[in-house]
Every structure is written in structure tokens, then in C-alpha cells.
Amino acid sequence: MAKRKIVWSHRAKIKLYQILDFYAERNKSNTYSSKLYREITYRIRLLNKYPELGRKTEFESIRALIIKDYCIYYELTLDQIIIHTIWDNRQNPDELKIS
């Protein structure tokens, strides 16, 4: 099977940058942000090889890939892996918006 293209939604990009900026500001260093970014991108690349790596969610056709304190919510299509959002699991789950 051909590899799927990874597509980041606008919301997912914003959430990722907010998370990385938060740790860079809080720690006064980019070290942890860089490590977290590498871990996230590595795990998302694994989705091309193992597209059902994440667990099923209550949202139809949406899966969640857990990375540390975060869930990456994504959807599989025939030719794409659509990253809808990144969610900090320590937040109120009632505020989660996928699309």
C-alpha cells in the first residue's frame, strides 16, 4: 500500500505551536520543546506504517494517538492521514473540539 499523505489542520498546527511555545517560555529553553516535537513527528510518521496505531474514539472515523500527556486526533482516508487536533489530556474534556 502506498504511503498516505499527512495533512495537518489549521487547528492542529496552532495547538502544536502553542504547546511548544508554552514549554519554551516556561523552561526558558527550547530543549524540551525540541524533544517533544521530535517525539510527536516521529510517532506521526509511524502512522504511515501502522495507520491504526491510535485507539478508536467515540467520534466515528477518528482515532487518538497518545503521546505523553497529549492525544493526537486523526482520521484515515484512502490517501491521507488528517491530523485534526492535539489535545492536552489534563484539560477539561468537555472543551474538546475535533473539527
N, C-alpha and C. Protein backbone atom coordinates (compact mmCIF):
# COMPACT_ATOMS: atom_id res chain seq x y z
N MET A 1 0.83 -1.19 0.00
CA MET A 1 0.00 0.00 0.00
C MET A 1 0.87 1.25 0.00
N ALA A 2 0.50 2.21 -0.79
CA ALA A 2 1.25 3.46 -0.87
C ALA A 2 1.08 4.25 0.43
N LYS A 3 2.09 5.02 0.74
CA LYS A 3 2.02 5.82 1.95
C LYS A 3 0.99 6.93 1.80
N ARG A 4 0.33 7.20 2.89
CA ARG A 4 -0.65 8.28 2.90
C ARG A 4 0.06 9.60 3.17
N LYS A 5 -0.52 10.66 2.64
CA LYS A 5 -0.01 12.00 2.89
C LYS A 5 -0.53 12.46 4.25
N ILE A 6 0.35 13.03 5.07
CA ILE A 6 -0.06 13.56 6.36
C ILE A 6 -0.47 15.01 6.17
N VAL A 7 -1.71 15.32 6.56
CA VAL A 7 -2.27 16.66 6.41
C VAL A 7 -2.62 17.19 7.80
N TRP A 8 -2.06 18.34 8.14
CA TRP A 8 -2.34 18.99 9.42
C TRP A 8 -3.44 20.03 9.22
N SER A 9 -4.47 19.97 10.05
CA SER A 9 -5.49 21.00 10.02
C SER A 9 -4.91 22.28 10.62
N HIS A 10 -5.57 23.38 10.34
CA HIS A 10 -5.13 24.66 10.89
C HIS A 10 -5.14 24.61 12.41
N ARG A 11 -6.20 24.05 12.99
CA ARG A 11 -6.31 23.94 14.45
C ARG A 11 -5.17 23.13 15.03
N ALA A 12 -4.81 22.02 14.40
CA ALA A 12 -3.74 21.16 14.90
C ALA A 12 -2.39 21.89 14.88
N LYS A 13 -2.14 22.63 13.82
CA LYS A 13 -0.89 23.40 13.75
C LYS A 13 -0.81 24.42 14.86
N ILE A 14 -1.90 25.14 15.08
CA ILE A 14 -1.93 26.16 16.13
C ILE A 14 -1.70 25.53 17.50
N LYS A 15 -2.39 24.43 17.78
CA LYS A 15 -2.24 23.74 19.07
C LYS A 15 -0.81 23.28 19.27
N LEU A 16 -0.20 22.72 18.24
CA LEU A 16 1.18 22.26 18.35
C LEU A 16 2.11 23.42 18.68
N TYR A 17 1.98 24.52 17.96
CA TYR A 17 2.85 25.68 18.22
C TYR A 17 2.60 26.26 19.61
N GLN A 18 1.35 26.27 20.07
CA GLN A 18 1.06 26.77 21.41
C GLN A 18 1.72 25.90 22.48
N ILE A 19 1.66 24.61 22.30
CA ILE A 19 2.29 23.69 23.26
C ILE A 19 3.79 23.89 23.29
N LEU A 20 4.42 23.95 22.13
CA LEU A 20 5.87 24.11 22.06
C LEU A 20 6.30 25.46 22.61
N ASP A 21 5.55 26.52 22.29
CA ASP A 21 5.86 27.85 22.82
C ASP A 21 5.71 27.90 24.33
N PHE A 22 4.68 27.23 24.86
CA PHE A 22 4.47 27.20 26.30
C PHE A 22 5.69 26.65 27.03
N TYR A 23 6.20 25.51 26.57
CA TYR A 23 7.35 24.89 27.24
C TYR A 23 8.62 25.70 27.03
N ALA A 24 8.79 26.29 25.87
CA ALA A 24 9.97 27.12 25.64
C ALA A 24 9.96 28.33 26.58
N GLU A 25 8.81 28.94 26.75
CA GLU A 25 8.69 30.10 27.63
C GLU A 25 8.84 29.69 29.09
N ARG A 26 8.15 28.64 29.49
CA ARG A 26 8.19 28.21 30.89
C ARG A 26 9.58 27.76 31.31
N ASN A 27 10.26 27.02 30.44
CA ASN A 27 11.57 26.47 30.77
C ASN A 27 12.72 27.40 30.41
N LYS A 28 12.41 28.50 29.72
CA LYS A 28 13.44 29.44 29.26
C LYS A 28 14.50 28.73 28.41
N SER A 29 14.03 27.70 27.69
CA SER A 29 14.91 26.92 26.83
C SER A 29 14.04 26.17 25.83
N ASN A 30 14.62 25.91 24.67
CA ASN A 30 13.90 25.15 23.64
C ASN A 30 14.18 23.65 23.72
N THR A 31 14.95 23.21 24.68
CA THR A 31 15.37 21.81 24.76
C THR A 31 14.18 20.86 24.84
N TYR A 32 13.29 21.07 25.82
CA TYR A 32 12.15 20.17 25.97
C TYR A 32 11.21 20.28 24.78
N SER A 33 10.98 21.50 24.30
CA SER A 33 10.11 21.69 23.13
C SER A 33 10.65 20.92 21.93
N SER A 34 11.94 20.95 21.72
CA SER A 34 12.56 20.22 20.61
C SER A 34 12.37 18.72 20.76
N LYS A 35 12.57 18.21 21.98
CA LYS A 35 12.39 16.77 22.22
C LYS A 35 10.94 16.36 22.00
N LEU A 36 10.02 17.17 22.50
CA LEU A 36 8.60 16.86 22.34
C LEU A 36 8.21 16.90 20.87
N TYR A 37 8.70 17.90 20.13
CA TYR A 37 8.41 18.00 18.70
C TYR A 37 8.93 16.77 17.94
N ARG A 38 10.15 16.35 18.26
CA ARG A 38 10.72 15.16 17.61
C ARG A 38 9.89 13.92 17.92
N GLU A 39 9.45 13.79 19.17
CA GLU A 39 8.64 12.63 19.56
C GLU A 39 7.30 12.64 18.81
N ILE A 40 6.66 13.79 18.73
CA ILE A 40 5.37 13.90 18.03
C ILE A 40 5.53 13.58 16.55
N THR A 41 6.52 14.18 15.90
CA THR A 41 6.69 13.94 14.47
C THR A 41 7.10 12.50 14.18
N TYR A 42 7.90 11.90 15.05
CA TYR A 42 8.28 10.50 14.87
C TYR A 42 7.05 9.61 14.95
N ARG A 43 6.23 9.82 15.97
CA ARG A 43 5.04 8.98 16.15
C ARG A 43 4.04 9.17 15.02
N ILE A 44 3.93 10.39 14.51
CA ILE A 44 3.01 10.62 13.39
C ILE A 44 3.53 9.94 12.13
N ARG A 45 4.84 9.95 11.93
CA ARG A 45 5.41 9.22 10.78
C ARG A 45 5.14 7.72 10.89
N LEU A 46 5.08 7.19 12.11
CA LEU A 46 4.76 5.78 12.29
C LEU A 46 3.35 5.45 11.80
N LEU A 47 2.48 6.45 11.79
CA LEU A 47 1.12 6.22 11.33
C LEU A 47 1.08 5.77 9.87
N ASN A 48 2.04 6.20 9.07
CA ASN A 48 2.09 5.73 7.68
C ASN A 48 2.31 4.23 7.60
N LYS A 49 3.09 3.71 8.52
CA LYS A 49 3.36 2.28 8.53
C LYS A 49 2.27 1.50 9.27
N TYR A 50 1.78 2.09 10.36
CA TYR A 50 0.76 1.46 11.19
C TYR A 50 -0.41 2.43 11.39
N PRO A 51 -1.25 2.59 10.39
CA PRO A 51 -2.29 3.63 10.45
C PRO A 51 -3.31 3.46 11.57
N GLU A 52 -3.45 2.27 12.08
CA GLU A 52 -4.40 2.06 13.17
C GLU A 52 -3.70 1.99 14.52
N LEU A 53 -2.57 2.64 14.61
CA LEU A 53 -1.77 2.67 15.85
C LEU A 53 -2.56 3.31 16.99
N GLY A 54 -3.30 4.35 16.68
CA GLY A 54 -4.09 5.03 17.70
C GLY A 54 -5.33 4.24 18.08
N ARG A 55 -5.91 4.60 19.21
CA ARG A 55 -7.11 3.89 19.66
C ARG A 55 -8.36 4.53 19.06
N LYS A 56 -9.42 3.74 18.96
CA LYS A 56 -10.69 4.27 18.48
C LYS A 56 -11.26 5.23 19.51
N THR A 57 -12.03 6.19 19.03
CA THR A 57 -12.67 7.16 19.92
C THR A 57 -14.18 7.09 19.75
N GLU A 58 -14.87 7.87 20.54
CA GLU A 58 -16.34 7.93 20.41
C GLU A 58 -16.76 8.69 19.16
N PHE A 59 -15.83 9.37 18.52
CA PHE A 59 -16.11 10.08 17.28
C PHE A 59 -15.89 9.11 16.13
N GLU A 60 -16.89 8.95 15.30
CA GLU A 60 -16.79 7.99 14.20
C GLU A 60 -15.65 8.37 13.25
N SER A 61 -14.85 7.42 12.89
CA SER A 61 -13.71 7.52 11.97
C SER A 61 -12.53 8.32 12.52
N ILE A 62 -12.57 8.72 13.80
CA ILE A 62 -11.46 9.46 14.41
C ILE A 62 -10.74 8.53 15.38
N ARG A 63 -9.42 8.55 15.31
CA ARG A 63 -8.59 7.77 16.22
C ARG A 63 -7.73 8.73 17.04
N ALA A 64 -7.23 8.26 18.16
CA ALA A 64 -6.40 9.08 19.04
C ALA A 64 -5.06 8.39 19.29
N LEU A 65 -4.01 9.10 19.00
CA LEU A 65 -2.66 8.61 19.25
C LEU A 65 -2.16 9.30 20.51
N ILE A 66 -1.84 8.54 21.54
CA ILE A 66 -1.43 9.11 22.82
C ILE A 66 0.09 9.26 22.84
N ILE A 67 0.53 10.49 23.14
CA ILE A 67 1.95 10.80 23.25
C ILE A 67 2.13 11.63 24.51
N LYS A 68 2.74 11.04 25.52
CA LYS A 68 2.94 11.68 26.82
C LYS A 68 1.59 12.16 27.37
N ASP A 69 1.42 13.45 27.60
CA ASP A 69 0.18 14.00 28.15
C ASP A 69 -0.78 14.46 27.05
N TYR A 70 -0.54 14.08 25.83
CA TYR A 70 -1.31 14.60 24.70
C TYR A 70 -1.95 13.49 23.88
N CYS A 71 -3.05 13.83 23.26
CA CYS A 71 -3.70 12.95 22.28
C CYS A 71 -3.69 13.67 20.95
N ILE A 72 -3.26 12.98 19.93
CA ILE A 72 -3.33 13.47 18.57
C ILE A 72 -4.56 12.82 17.95
N TYR A 73 -5.55 13.62 17.61
CA TYR A 73 -6.77 13.10 16.99
C TYR A 73 -6.61 13.16 15.49
N TYR A 74 -6.78 12.01 14.84
CA TYR A 74 -6.57 11.94 13.40
C TYR A 74 -7.63 11.06 12.75
N GLU A 75 -7.71 11.23 11.43
CA GLU A 75 -8.67 10.49 10.63
C GLU A 75 -7.93 9.88 9.45
N LEU A 76 -8.31 8.66 9.11
CA LEU A 76 -7.70 7.97 7.97
C LEU A 76 -8.62 8.05 6.76
N THR A 77 -8.05 8.39 5.62
CA THR A 77 -8.75 8.28 4.35
C THR A 77 -7.90 7.35 3.47
N LEU A 78 -8.33 7.11 2.27
CA LEU A 78 -7.56 6.21 1.40
C LEU A 78 -6.16 6.72 1.12
N ASP A 79 -6.00 8.03 1.01
CA ASP A 79 -4.69 8.57 0.64
C ASP A 79 -4.14 9.61 1.62
N GLN A 80 -4.84 9.84 2.74
CA GLN A 80 -4.39 10.86 3.69
C GLN A 80 -4.55 10.39 5.14
N ILE A 81 -3.72 10.98 5.99
CA ILE A 81 -3.90 10.93 7.44
C ILE A 81 -4.11 12.38 7.84
N ILE A 82 -5.30 12.70 8.27
CA ILE A 82 -5.65 14.07 8.59
C ILE A 82 -5.54 14.26 10.10
N ILE A 83 -4.60 15.11 10.52
CA ILE A 83 -4.43 15.44 11.93
C ILE A 83 -5.41 16.56 12.25
N HIS A 84 -6.42 16.27 13.06
CA HIS A 84 -7.45 17.26 13.36
C HIS A 84 -7.06 18.19 14.50
N THR A 85 -6.51 17.64 15.58
CA THR A 85 -6.13 18.48 16.71
C THR A 85 -5.18 17.73 17.62
N ILE A 86 -4.54 18.48 18.49
CA ILE A 86 -3.72 17.93 19.57
C ILE A 86 -4.38 18.39 20.86
N TRP A 87 -4.58 17.45 21.77
CA TRP A 87 -5.31 17.76 22.99
C TRP A 87 -4.46 17.41 24.21
N ASP A 88 -4.33 18.36 25.13
CA ASP A 88 -3.66 18.11 26.40
C ASP A 88 -4.65 17.37 27.30
N ASN A 89 -4.34 16.16 27.67
CA ASN A 89 -5.26 15.32 28.44
C ASN A 89 -5.53 15.85 29.85
N ARG A 90 -4.81 16.86 30.27
CA ARG A 90 -5.04 17.44 31.58
C ARG A 90 -6.11 18.53 31.54
N GLN A 91 -6.65 18.82 30.37
CA GLN A 91 -7.69 19.84 30.22
C GLN A 91 -9.06 19.22 30.41
N ASN A 92 -10.06 20.09 30.53
CA ASN A 92 -11.44 19.66 30.67
C ASN A 92 -11.89 19.00 29.36
N PRO A 93 -12.26 17.73 29.40
CA PRO A 93 -12.65 17.03 28.15
C PRO A 93 -13.90 17.59 27.50
N ASP A 94 -14.71 18.32 28.25
CA ASP A 94 -15.92 18.91 27.66
C ASP A 94 -15.59 20.01 26.64
N GLU A 95 -14.37 20.52 26.67
CA GLU A 95 -13.96 21.59 25.76
C GLU A 95 -13.29 21.07 24.49
N LEU A 96 -13.15 19.77 24.37
CA LEU A 96 -12.51 19.18 23.19
C LEU A 96 -13.35 19.40 21.94
N LYS A 97 -12.70 19.95 20.89
CA LYS A 97 -13.32 20.13 19.59
C LYS A 97 -12.42 19.47 18.57
N ILE A 98 -13.00 18.54 17.82
CA ILE A 98 -12.20 17.80 16.84
C ILE A 98 -12.12 18.53 15.51
N SER A 99 -13.25 18.99 14.99
CA SER A 99 -13.19 19.66 13.68
C SER A 99 -13.86 21.00 13.71
